[in-house]
Amino acid sequence: MAMQVNDSNKTRKALLIAAALCFVLHLAIVPNIALFDGHINVCMIVALYIALSTGGKTGVIAGFVAGLFFDLTTTGPVGLMAFELTIASYFVGLEGRNRFADGFGGVLRPFLIACVSIELVYGLTMVLTGNSHNILYTFGLHSIPAIVLDCVAFVIVLLLSGLRTGSAASSFSVKRPDRSSGHFFGKKL
């Protein structure tokens, strides 16, 4: 069993890098990638990624900040995405542990539930506040395509971060050396 060490400087550096990537991707790249009228919600992906990897207070704060950034840079109601990401980050990071140790399925399930909930509630709110054409347009051409794009983008992030399917090891966990192949540990008998 490997011992996990909490390195707050490493965590802060990772959070700052995630925030910078979120800023650049959300404002410069994502508006150019669309499926019908749905776009990737980078702020949601970053917030849920942080909530899944750290949980607790850090995840909730990251959810609120990412949601507020989303709200201030889009035409939707201010505070809605901040509220949704704060609540989703709380529930996703409720255990306060690194969920990436559970492997691909252990991370993808809570993300998928949160993603579908966030996009559908956001779409419904847009219809109810009159910011959208109608409910069929909103769900058929915005929310469902956005869910698909969010899930594809999250899987790409997982693959780039080092999480492998069928493996409990991730880029956030301590990996044990393979003792059978090292030259210091002789042959197995």
N, C-alpha and C. Protein backbone atom coordinates (compact mmCIF):
# COMPACT_ATOMS: atom_id res chain seq x y z
N MET A 1 0.85 -1.18 0.00
CA MET A 1 0.00 0.00 0.00
C MET A 1 0.89 1.23 0.00
N ALA A 2 0.65 2.13 -0.91
CA ALA A 2 1.45 3.34 -1.04
C ALA A 2 0.85 4.46 -0.20
N MET A 3 1.71 5.25 0.39
CA MET A 3 1.26 6.38 1.19
C MET A 3 1.14 7.60 0.30
N GLN A 4 0.03 8.30 0.41
CA GLN A 4 -0.18 9.52 -0.37
C GLN A 4 0.25 10.71 0.46
N VAL A 5 1.01 11.60 -0.17
CA VAL A 5 1.50 12.79 0.50
C VAL A 5 0.79 13.99 -0.09
N ASN A 6 0.31 14.87 0.77
CA ASN A 6 -0.38 16.08 0.31
C ASN A 6 0.64 17.19 0.16
N ASP A 7 0.97 17.56 -1.05
CA ASP A 7 1.91 18.63 -1.34
C ASP A 7 1.10 19.85 -1.77
N SER A 8 0.94 20.83 -0.86
CA SER A 8 0.08 21.97 -1.14
C SER A 8 0.66 22.87 -2.23
N ASN A 9 1.99 22.98 -2.32
CA ASN A 9 2.58 23.79 -3.39
C ASN A 9 2.31 23.17 -4.76
N LYS A 10 2.41 21.86 -4.85
CA LYS A 10 2.13 21.16 -6.10
C LYS A 10 0.65 21.32 -6.47
N THR A 11 -0.21 21.26 -5.47
CA THR A 11 -1.64 21.42 -5.70
C THR A 11 -1.94 22.84 -6.19
N ARG A 12 -1.35 23.84 -5.56
CA ARG A 12 -1.57 25.23 -5.99
C ARG A 12 -1.09 25.46 -7.41
N LYS A 13 0.07 24.91 -7.73
CA LYS A 13 0.62 25.06 -9.08
C LYS A 13 -0.30 24.40 -10.10
N ALA A 14 -0.80 23.21 -9.78
CA ALA A 14 -1.72 22.52 -10.69
C ALA A 14 -3.02 23.30 -10.87
N LEU A 15 -3.52 23.90 -9.78
CA LEU A 15 -4.75 24.70 -9.87
C LEU A 15 -4.54 25.95 -10.72
N LEU A 16 -3.40 26.59 -10.59
CA LEU A 16 -3.12 27.78 -11.40
C LEU A 16 -2.98 27.41 -12.88
N ILE A 17 -2.34 26.29 -13.16
CA ILE A 17 -2.22 25.85 -14.55
C ILE A 17 -3.60 25.52 -15.11
N ALA A 18 -4.43 24.83 -14.31
CA ALA A 18 -5.79 24.50 -14.76
C ALA A 18 -6.60 25.77 -15.02
N ALA A 19 -6.46 26.77 -14.15
CA ALA A 19 -7.19 28.03 -14.34
C ALA A 19 -6.74 28.74 -15.60
N ALA A 20 -5.43 28.76 -15.86
CA ALA A 20 -4.92 29.41 -17.06
C ALA A 20 -5.40 28.69 -18.32
N LEU A 21 -5.35 27.36 -18.31
CA LEU A 21 -5.85 26.59 -19.45
C LEU A 21 -7.34 26.82 -19.67
N CYS A 22 -8.09 26.84 -18.58
CA CYS A 22 -9.53 27.08 -18.66
C CYS A 22 -9.79 28.44 -19.29
N PHE A 23 -9.07 29.46 -18.86
CA PHE A 23 -9.23 30.81 -19.38
C PHE A 23 -8.99 30.85 -20.89
N VAL A 24 -7.86 30.30 -21.32
CA VAL A 24 -7.50 30.34 -22.74
C VAL A 24 -8.46 29.50 -23.58
N LEU A 25 -8.73 28.29 -23.15
CA LEU A 25 -9.60 27.41 -23.92
C LEU A 25 -11.02 27.95 -24.01
N HIS A 26 -11.55 28.45 -22.89
CA HIS A 26 -12.93 28.92 -22.86
C HIS A 26 -13.14 30.16 -23.75
N LEU A 27 -12.16 31.04 -23.76
CA LEU A 27 -12.33 32.28 -24.52
C LEU A 27 -11.83 32.21 -25.96
N ALA A 28 -10.81 31.41 -26.23
CA ALA A 28 -10.19 31.46 -27.56
C ALA A 28 -10.50 30.26 -28.44
N ILE A 29 -10.59 29.09 -27.89
CA ILE A 29 -10.69 27.88 -28.72
C ILE A 29 -12.09 27.29 -28.77
N VAL A 30 -12.71 27.12 -27.62
CA VAL A 30 -14.01 26.44 -27.55
C VAL A 30 -15.12 27.11 -28.36
N PRO A 31 -15.19 28.44 -28.46
CA PRO A 31 -16.25 29.03 -29.29
C PRO A 31 -16.20 28.59 -30.75
N ASN A 32 -15.05 28.11 -31.19
CA ASN A 32 -14.89 27.67 -32.57
C ASN A 32 -15.20 26.19 -32.78
N ILE A 33 -15.46 25.47 -31.71
CA ILE A 33 -15.78 24.04 -31.79
C ILE A 33 -17.24 23.86 -31.39
N ALA A 34 -18.05 23.37 -32.30
CA ALA A 34 -19.48 23.22 -32.01
C ALA A 34 -20.03 21.98 -32.68
N LEU A 35 -21.04 21.41 -32.04
CA LEU A 35 -21.85 20.35 -32.61
C LEU A 35 -23.27 20.90 -32.57
N PHE A 36 -23.82 21.21 -33.72
CA PHE A 36 -25.06 21.97 -33.84
C PHE A 36 -24.87 23.29 -33.10
N ASP A 37 -25.60 23.52 -32.00
CA ASP A 37 -25.42 24.75 -31.24
C ASP A 37 -24.77 24.49 -29.88
N GLY A 38 -24.30 23.27 -29.67
CA GLY A 38 -23.68 22.90 -28.40
C GLY A 38 -22.17 23.12 -28.43
N HIS A 39 -21.64 23.63 -27.33
CA HIS A 39 -20.21 23.88 -27.19
C HIS A 39 -19.70 23.17 -25.94
N ILE A 40 -18.41 22.93 -25.92
CA ILE A 40 -17.78 22.31 -24.76
C ILE A 40 -17.79 23.32 -23.61
N ASN A 41 -18.14 22.86 -22.43
CA ASN A 41 -18.11 23.70 -21.24
C ASN A 41 -16.80 23.40 -20.50
N VAL A 42 -15.74 24.11 -20.86
CA VAL A 42 -14.43 23.88 -20.28
C VAL A 42 -14.44 24.18 -18.78
N CYS A 43 -15.18 25.18 -18.39
CA CYS A 43 -15.25 25.53 -16.96
C CYS A 43 -15.80 24.37 -16.14
N MET A 44 -16.81 23.69 -16.67
CA MET A 44 -17.38 22.53 -15.98
C MET A 44 -16.37 21.40 -15.91
N ILE A 45 -15.67 21.15 -17.01
CA ILE A 45 -14.69 20.07 -17.04
C ILE A 45 -13.58 20.32 -16.02
N VAL A 46 -13.06 21.55 -15.98
CA VAL A 46 -12.00 21.88 -15.02
C VAL A 46 -12.51 21.76 -13.59
N ALA A 47 -13.69 22.30 -13.32
CA ALA A 47 -14.24 22.25 -11.96
C ALA A 47 -14.47 20.81 -11.49
N LEU A 48 -15.05 19.99 -12.34
CA LEU A 48 -15.31 18.60 -11.95
C LEU A 48 -14.02 17.80 -11.88
N TYR A 49 -13.06 18.09 -12.71
CA TYR A 49 -11.76 17.42 -12.64
C TYR A 49 -11.10 17.70 -11.29
N ILE A 50 -11.13 18.96 -10.87
CA ILE A 50 -10.54 19.33 -9.58
C ILE A 50 -11.32 18.69 -8.44
N ALA A 51 -12.65 18.70 -8.54
CA ALA A 51 -13.47 18.07 -7.50
C ALA A 51 -13.21 16.57 -7.41
N LEU A 52 -13.02 15.92 -8.55
CA LEU A 52 -12.73 14.49 -8.55
C LEU A 52 -11.34 14.18 -8.02
N SER A 53 -10.39 15.07 -8.26
CA SER A 53 -9.02 14.79 -7.85
C SER A 53 -8.73 15.21 -6.42
N THR A 54 -9.38 16.26 -5.92
CA THR A 54 -9.10 16.71 -4.56
C THR A 54 -10.32 16.67 -3.66
N GLY A 55 -11.46 17.03 -4.20
CA GLY A 55 -12.69 17.06 -3.41
C GLY A 55 -12.65 18.14 -2.34
N GLY A 56 -13.55 18.03 -1.40
CA GLY A 56 -13.58 18.95 -0.27
C GLY A 56 -13.74 20.40 -0.64
N LYS A 57 -13.17 21.25 0.22
CA LYS A 57 -13.30 22.69 0.07
C LYS A 57 -12.66 23.19 -1.23
N THR A 58 -11.53 22.63 -1.60
CA THR A 58 -10.84 23.06 -2.83
C THR A 58 -11.72 22.82 -4.05
N GLY A 59 -12.38 21.67 -4.11
CA GLY A 59 -13.27 21.36 -5.23
C GLY A 59 -14.45 22.30 -5.30
N VAL A 60 -15.03 22.62 -4.16
CA VAL A 60 -16.19 23.52 -4.13
C VAL A 60 -15.79 24.93 -4.56
N ILE A 61 -14.66 25.41 -4.06
CA ILE A 61 -14.19 26.75 -4.43
C ILE A 61 -13.88 26.79 -5.93
N ALA A 62 -13.24 25.74 -6.43
CA ALA A 62 -12.92 25.68 -7.87
C ALA A 62 -14.21 25.68 -8.69
N GLY A 63 -15.23 24.97 -8.22
CA GLY A 63 -16.52 24.96 -8.92
C GLY A 63 -17.16 26.33 -8.97
N PHE A 64 -17.13 27.03 -7.84
CA PHE A 64 -17.72 28.37 -7.80
C PHE A 64 -16.97 29.34 -8.71
N VAL A 65 -15.64 29.35 -8.62
CA VAL A 65 -14.84 30.28 -9.42
C VAL A 65 -14.99 29.99 -10.91
N ALA A 66 -14.93 28.71 -11.28
CA ALA A 66 -15.08 28.35 -12.70
C ALA A 66 -16.48 28.70 -13.20
N GLY A 67 -17.49 28.47 -12.38
CA GLY A 67 -18.86 28.81 -12.77
C GLY A 67 -19.07 30.31 -12.91
N LEU A 68 -18.49 31.07 -12.00
CA LEU A 68 -18.60 32.52 -12.08
C LEU A 68 -17.88 33.05 -13.32
N PHE A 69 -16.72 32.48 -13.62
CA PHE A 69 -16.00 32.86 -14.85
C PHE A 69 -16.86 32.56 -16.07
N PHE A 70 -17.50 31.40 -16.10
CA PHE A 70 -18.39 31.04 -17.21
C PHE A 70 -19.52 32.06 -17.32
N ASP A 71 -20.15 32.37 -16.19
CA ASP A 71 -21.29 33.30 -16.19
C ASP A 71 -20.90 34.69 -16.68
N LEU A 72 -19.72 35.14 -16.31
CA LEU A 72 -19.29 36.49 -16.68
C LEU A 72 -18.82 36.59 -18.13
N THR A 73 -18.58 35.45 -18.76
CA THR A 73 -18.08 35.48 -20.14
C THR A 73 -19.11 34.96 -21.15
N THR A 74 -20.32 34.66 -20.70
CA THR A 74 -21.37 34.22 -21.62
C THR A 74 -22.60 35.11 -21.43
N THR A 75 -23.62 34.85 -22.24
CA THR A 75 -24.83 35.68 -22.20
C THR A 75 -25.92 35.11 -21.31
N GLY A 76 -25.64 34.03 -20.62
CA GLY A 76 -26.65 33.42 -19.75
C GLY A 76 -26.82 34.19 -18.46
N PRO A 77 -27.75 33.73 -17.62
CA PRO A 77 -27.98 34.41 -16.34
C PRO A 77 -26.75 34.33 -15.43
N VAL A 78 -26.34 35.45 -14.89
CA VAL A 78 -25.16 35.50 -14.02
C VAL A 78 -25.49 34.80 -12.70
N GLY A 79 -24.64 33.87 -12.34
CA GLY A 79 -24.80 33.14 -11.08
C GLY A 79 -25.33 31.73 -11.26
N LEU A 80 -25.96 31.43 -12.39
CA LEU A 80 -26.55 30.11 -12.59
C LEU A 80 -25.47 29.03 -12.68
N MET A 81 -24.48 29.21 -13.54
CA MET A 81 -23.44 28.20 -13.67
C MET A 81 -22.58 28.14 -12.41
N ALA A 82 -22.37 29.27 -11.76
CA ALA A 82 -21.62 29.27 -10.50
C ALA A 82 -22.35 28.41 -9.46
N PHE A 83 -23.65 28.58 -9.39
CA PHE A 83 -24.45 27.78 -8.46
C PHE A 83 -24.40 26.30 -8.83
N GLU A 84 -24.60 26.00 -10.12
CA GLU A 84 -24.61 24.60 -10.55
C GLU A 84 -23.27 23.92 -10.32
N LEU A 85 -22.17 24.59 -10.68
CA LEU A 85 -20.86 23.97 -10.51
C LEU A 85 -20.45 23.86 -9.05
N THR A 86 -20.90 24.78 -8.22
CA THR A 86 -20.63 24.68 -6.79
C THR A 86 -21.32 23.45 -6.21
N ILE A 87 -22.59 23.28 -6.52
CA ILE A 87 -23.35 22.12 -6.02
C ILE A 87 -22.78 20.82 -6.59
N ALA A 88 -22.51 20.79 -7.89
CA ALA A 88 -21.98 19.57 -8.52
C ALA A 88 -20.60 19.22 -7.95
N SER A 89 -19.75 20.21 -7.77
CA SER A 89 -18.42 19.96 -7.21
C SER A 89 -18.51 19.45 -5.78
N TYR A 90 -19.47 19.96 -5.04
CA TYR A 90 -19.66 19.47 -3.67
C TYR A 90 -20.02 17.99 -3.68
N PHE A 91 -21.00 17.61 -4.49
CA PHE A 91 -21.43 16.22 -4.49
C PHE A 91 -20.41 15.28 -5.13
N VAL A 92 -19.74 15.73 -6.18
CA VAL A 92 -18.73 14.89 -6.83
C VAL A 92 -17.52 14.69 -5.90
N GLY A 93 -17.14 15.74 -5.18
CA GLY A 93 -15.98 15.66 -4.29
C GLY A 93 -16.34 15.41 -2.85
N LEU A 94 -17.53 14.89 -2.60
CA LEU A 94 -18.03 14.70 -1.25
C LEU A 94 -17.13 13.81 -0.40
N GLU A 95 -16.54 12.80 -0.99
CA GLU A 95 -15.70 11.88 -0.22
C GLU A 95 -14.36 12.51 0.16
N GLY A 96 -13.99 13.63 -0.48
CA GLY A 96 -12.77 14.32 -0.13
C GLY A 96 -11.52 13.51 -0.40
N ARG A 97 -11.53 12.75 -1.46
CA ARG A 97 -10.37 11.92 -1.80
C ARG A 97 -10.15 11.95 -3.30
N ASN A 98 -9.05 11.39 -3.72
CA ASN A 98 -8.71 11.32 -5.13
C ASN A 98 -9.50 10.18 -5.77
N ARG A 99 -10.53 10.51 -6.51
CA ARG A 99 -11.37 9.50 -7.15
C ARG A 99 -10.70 8.90 -8.37
N PHE A 100 -9.58 9.48 -8.81
CA PHE A 100 -8.86 8.94 -9.95
C PHE A 100 -8.24 7.59 -9.62
N ALA A 101 -8.06 7.30 -8.36
CA ALA A 101 -7.52 6.00 -7.95
C ALA A 101 -8.52 4.88 -8.25
N ASP A 102 -9.78 5.22 -8.49
CA ASP A 102 -10.81 4.22 -8.80
C ASP A 102 -10.77 3.78 -10.26
N GLY A 103 -9.96 4.42 -11.06
CA GLY A 103 -9.86 4.06 -12.47
C GLY A 103 -10.84 4.84 -13.33
N PHE A 104 -10.88 4.47 -14.60
CA PHE A 104 -11.64 5.18 -15.62
C PHE A 104 -13.13 5.23 -15.29
N GLY A 105 -13.72 4.08 -14.97
CA GLY A 105 -15.16 4.03 -14.69
C GLY A 105 -15.54 4.77 -13.42
N GLY A 106 -14.67 4.73 -12.42
CA GLY A 106 -14.94 5.42 -11.16
C GLY A 106 -14.93 6.92 -11.29
N VAL A 107 -14.29 7.43 -12.34
CA VAL A 107 -14.25 8.87 -12.58
C VAL A 107 -15.32 9.28 -13.58
N LEU A 108 -15.54 8.45 -14.58
CA LEU A 108 -16.45 8.81 -15.66
C LEU A 108 -17.92 8.82 -15.20
N ARG A 109 -18.31 7.89 -14.34
CA ARG A 109 -19.70 7.85 -13.87
C ARG A 109 -20.14 9.13 -13.16
N PRO A 110 -19.41 9.58 -12.13
CA PRO A 110 -19.85 10.83 -11.48
C PRO A 110 -19.79 12.04 -12.41
N PHE A 111 -18.80 12.05 -13.31
CA PHE A 111 -18.73 13.16 -14.27
C PHE A 111 -19.96 13.15 -15.17
N LEU A 112 -20.32 12.00 -15.69
CA LEU A 112 -21.46 11.89 -16.60
C LEU A 112 -22.76 12.33 -15.92
N ILE A 113 -22.98 11.90 -14.70
CA ILE A 113 -24.19 12.30 -13.96
C ILE A 113 -24.21 13.81 -13.75
N ALA A 114 -23.07 14.38 -13.33
CA ALA A 114 -23.00 15.82 -13.10
C ALA A 114 -23.16 16.60 -14.40
N CYS A 115 -22.53 16.12 -15.46
CA CYS A 115 -22.58 16.81 -16.76
C CYS A 115 -24.00 16.86 -17.30
N VAL A 116 -24.68 15.73 -17.30
CA VAL A 116 -26.06 15.69 -17.80
C VAL A 116 -26.95 16.60 -16.96
N SER A 117 -26.79 16.54 -15.64
CA SER A 117 -27.61 17.38 -14.75
C SER A 117 -27.36 18.86 -15.01
N ILE A 118 -26.11 19.24 -15.10
CA ILE A 118 -25.76 20.65 -15.29
C ILE A 118 -26.29 21.17 -16.62
N GLU A 119 -26.04 20.44 -17.69
CA GLU A 119 -26.46 20.91 -19.03
C GLU A 119 -27.98 20.96 -19.16
N LEU A 120 -28.68 19.97 -18.60
CA LEU A 120 -30.15 19.98 -18.71
C LEU A 120 -30.78 21.08 -17.86
N VAL A 121 -30.27 21.28 -16.65
CA VAL A 121 -30.80 22.36 -15.80
C VAL A 121 -30.49 23.72 -16.43
N TYR A 122 -29.30 23.88 -16.98
CA TYR A 122 -28.94 25.14 -17.63
C TYR A 122 -29.85 25.39 -18.83
N GLY A 123 -30.08 24.36 -19.65
CA GLY A 123 -30.96 24.51 -20.81
C GLY A 123 -32.38 24.83 -20.41
N LEU A 124 -32.89 24.15 -19.39
CA LEU A 124 -34.25 24.41 -18.92
C LEU A 124 -34.38 25.84 -18.38
N THR A 125 -33.37 26.28 -17.67
CA THR A 125 -33.40 27.65 -17.15
C THR A 125 -33.37 28.67 -18.28
N MET A 126 -32.61 28.38 -19.32
CA MET A 126 -32.56 29.30 -20.46
C MET A 126 -33.94 29.40 -21.13
N VAL A 127 -34.67 28.28 -21.21
CA VAL A 127 -36.01 28.30 -21.79
C VAL A 127 -36.97 29.07 -20.88
N LEU A 128 -36.92 28.79 -19.59
CA LEU A 128 -37.84 29.44 -18.66
C LEU A 128 -37.61 30.95 -18.52
N THR A 129 -36.37 31.39 -18.71
CA THR A 129 -36.09 32.83 -18.60
C THR A 129 -36.26 33.56 -19.92
N GLY A 130 -36.59 32.82 -20.99
CA GLY A 130 -36.81 33.44 -22.28
C GLY A 130 -35.54 33.72 -23.07
N ASN A 131 -34.42 33.16 -22.65
CA ASN A 131 -33.16 33.37 -23.36
C ASN A 131 -32.95 32.37 -24.49
N SER A 132 -33.93 31.51 -24.74
CA SER A 132 -33.79 30.51 -25.79
C SER A 132 -35.06 30.48 -26.64
N HIS A 133 -34.93 29.89 -27.83
CA HIS A 133 -36.04 29.84 -28.78
C HIS A 133 -37.21 29.01 -28.24
N ASN A 134 -36.96 27.74 -28.04
CA ASN A 134 -37.98 26.85 -27.47
C ASN A 134 -37.30 25.64 -26.86
N ILE A 135 -38.09 24.80 -26.21
CA ILE A 135 -37.52 23.68 -25.47
C ILE A 135 -36.91 22.62 -26.38
N LEU A 136 -37.53 22.37 -27.55
CA LEU A 136 -36.98 21.38 -28.48
C LEU A 136 -35.65 21.84 -29.05
N TYR A 137 -35.57 23.12 -29.39
CA TYR A 137 -34.32 23.67 -29.90
C TYR A 137 -33.23 23.59 -28.82
N THR A 138 -33.58 23.99 -27.62
CA THR A 138 -32.60 24.04 -26.55
C THR A 138 -32.04 22.66 -26.23
N PHE A 139 -32.92 21.68 -26.06
CA PHE A 139 -32.43 20.35 -25.69
C PHE A 139 -31.86 19.59 -26.90
N GLY A 140 -32.53 19.70 -28.04
CA GLY A 140 -32.10 18.94 -29.21
C GLY A 140 -30.85 19.49 -29.89
N LEU A 141 -30.72 20.79 -29.94
CA LEU A 141 -29.60 21.38 -30.66
C LEU A 141 -28.55 22.04 -29.77
N HIS A 142 -28.84 22.15 -28.47
CA HIS A 142 -27.85 22.75 -27.59
C HIS A 142 -27.41 21.79 -26.47
N SER A 143 -28.32 21.39 -25.62
CA SER A 143 -27.95 20.63 -24.42
C SER A 143 -27.39 19.25 -24.74
N ILE A 144 -28.08 18.48 -25.55
CA ILE A 144 -27.61 17.11 -25.86
C ILE A 144 -26.28 17.14 -26.62
N PRO A 145 -26.12 17.97 -27.66
CA PRO A 145 -24.80 18.05 -28.30
C PRO A 145 -23.70 18.53 -27.33
N ALA A 146 -24.04 19.44 -26.42
CA ALA A 146 -23.06 19.91 -25.44
C ALA A 146 -22.64 18.78 -24.51
N ILE A 147 -23.59 17.94 -24.11
CA ILE A 147 -23.27 16.79 -23.26
C ILE A 147 -22.30 15.86 -23.98
N VAL A 148 -22.57 15.59 -25.25
CA VAL A 148 -21.69 14.72 -26.04
C VAL A 148 -20.29 15.33 -26.12
N LEU A 149 -20.20 16.60 -26.45
CA LEU A 149 -18.89 17.27 -26.55
C LEU A 149 -18.16 17.31 -25.21
N ASP A 150 -18.90 17.58 -24.13
CA ASP A 150 -18.29 17.61 -22.80
C ASP A 150 -17.70 16.25 -22.44
N CYS A 151 -18.44 15.19 -22.72
CA CYS A 151 -17.96 13.84 -22.38
C CYS A 151 -16.74 13.46 -23.22
N VAL A 152 -16.77 13.77 -24.51
CA VAL A 152 -15.61 13.48 -25.36
C VAL A 152 -14.39 14.27 -24.88
N ALA A 153 -14.58 15.54 -24.57
CA ALA A 153 -13.47 16.37 -24.09
C ALA A 153 -12.94 15.86 -22.76
N PHE A 154 -13.83 15.41 -21.87
CA PHE A 154 -13.38 14.90 -20.57
C PHE A 154 -12.59 13.61 -20.73
N VAL A 155 -13.01 12.74 -21.63
CA VAL A 155 -12.26 11.50 -21.89
C VAL A 155 -10.88 11.84 -22.44
N ILE A 156 -10.81 12.82 -23.32
CA ILE A 156 -9.50 13.25 -23.85
C ILE A 156 -8.62 13.79 -22.72
N VAL A 157 -9.20 14.57 -21.82
CA VAL A 157 -8.45 15.09 -20.68
C VAL A 157 -7.96 13.94 -19.81
N LEU A 158 -8.81 12.95 -19.57
CA LEU A 158 -8.40 11.80 -18.77
C LEU A 158 -7.25 11.05 -19.42
N LEU A 159 -7.34 10.86 -20.72
CA LEU A 159 -6.27 10.15 -21.42
C LEU A 159 -4.97 10.96 -21.42
N LEU A 160 -5.08 12.26 -21.59
CA LEU A 160 -3.88 13.10 -21.56
C LEU A 160 -3.27 13.20 -20.16
N SER A 161 -4.12 13.09 -19.13
CA SER A 161 -3.60 13.20 -17.77
C SER A 161 -2.96 11.89 -17.29
N GLY A 162 -3.11 10.84 -18.05
CA GLY A 162 -2.43 9.60 -17.69
C GLY A 162 -3.33 8.53 -17.11
N LEU A 163 -4.61 8.77 -17.00
CA LEU A 163 -5.52 7.75 -16.49
C LEU A 163 -5.77 6.74 -17.58
N ARG A 164 -5.52 5.48 -17.28
CA ARG A 164 -5.68 4.42 -18.26
C ARG A 164 -6.89 3.58 -17.93
N THR A 165 -7.54 3.09 -18.96
CA THR A 165 -8.69 2.24 -18.75
C THR A 165 -8.24 0.93 -18.13
N GLY A 166 -9.02 0.45 -17.17
CA GLY A 166 -8.72 -0.82 -16.53
C GLY A 166 -7.59 -0.75 -15.53
N SER A 167 -7.10 0.42 -15.23
CA SER A 167 -5.99 0.56 -14.30
C SER A 167 -6.38 1.53 -13.21
N ALA A 168 -5.99 1.21 -12.01
CA ALA A 168 -6.28 2.10 -10.89
C ALA A 168 -5.20 3.16 -10.74
N ALA A 169 -4.13 3.04 -11.48
CA ALA A 169 -3.04 4.01 -11.39
C ALA A 169 -3.38 5.24 -12.22
N SER A 170 -3.01 6.38 -11.72
CA SER A 170 -3.22 7.61 -12.47
C SER A 170 -2.03 8.52 -12.25
N SER A 171 -2.08 9.67 -12.86
CA SER A 171 -0.98 10.61 -12.72
C SER A 171 -0.96 11.22 -11.32
N PHE A 172 -2.01 11.03 -10.53
CA PHE A 172 -2.07 11.60 -9.20
C PHE A 172 -1.68 10.61 -8.12
N SER A 173 -1.51 9.34 -8.44
CA SER A 173 -1.21 8.36 -7.42
C SER A 173 0.24 7.93 -7.49
N VAL A 174 0.72 7.41 -6.38
CA VAL A 174 2.08 6.93 -6.31
C VAL A 174 2.14 5.54 -6.92
N LYS A 175 3.08 5.34 -7.83
CA LYS A 175 3.20 4.06 -8.51
C LYS A 175 4.35 3.27 -7.90
N ARG A 176 4.13 2.00 -7.68
CA ARG A 176 5.18 1.15 -7.15
C ARG A 176 6.11 0.72 -8.26
N PRO A 177 7.39 0.59 -7.97
CA PRO A 177 8.30 0.10 -9.00
C PRO A 177 8.06 -1.37 -9.25
N ASP A 178 8.32 -1.79 -10.46
CA ASP A 178 8.18 -3.20 -10.83
C ASP A 178 9.44 -3.92 -10.37
N ARG A 179 9.32 -4.68 -9.30
CA ARG A 179 10.49 -5.32 -8.70
C ARG A 179 10.99 -6.49 -9.52
N SER A 180 10.18 -7.02 -10.40
CA SER A 180 10.60 -8.18 -11.16
C SER A 180 11.52 -7.82 -12.32
N SER A 181 11.56 -6.55 -12.73
CA SER A 181 12.36 -6.20 -13.89
C SER A 181 13.60 -5.39 -13.53
N GLY A 182 13.72 -4.95 -12.28
CA GLY A 182 14.87 -4.14 -11.89
C GLY A 182 16.14 -4.96 -11.80
N HIS A 183 17.28 -4.36 -12.04
CA HIS A 183 18.51 -5.12 -12.02
C HIS A 183 19.03 -5.30 -10.60
N PHE A 184 18.45 -4.58 -9.62
CA PHE A 184 18.84 -4.76 -8.23
C PHE A 184 18.13 -5.94 -7.58
N PHE A 185 17.05 -6.38 -8.15
CA PHE A 185 16.25 -7.45 -7.56
C PHE A 185 16.42 -8.71 -8.41
N GLY A 186 17.18 -9.55 -8.21
CA GLY A 186 17.47 -10.74 -9.00
C GLY A 186 16.24 -11.37 -9.65
N LYS A 187 16.43 -12.52 -10.20
CA LYS A 187 15.34 -13.23 -10.89
C LYS A 187 14.37 -13.83 -9.90
N LYS A 188 13.13 -13.97 -10.35
CA LYS A 188 12.13 -14.67 -9.53
C LYS A 188 12.43 -16.15 -9.54
N LEU A 189 12.24 -16.77 -8.42
CA LEU A 189 12.48 -18.22 -8.32
C LEU A 189 11.22 -19.00 -8.50
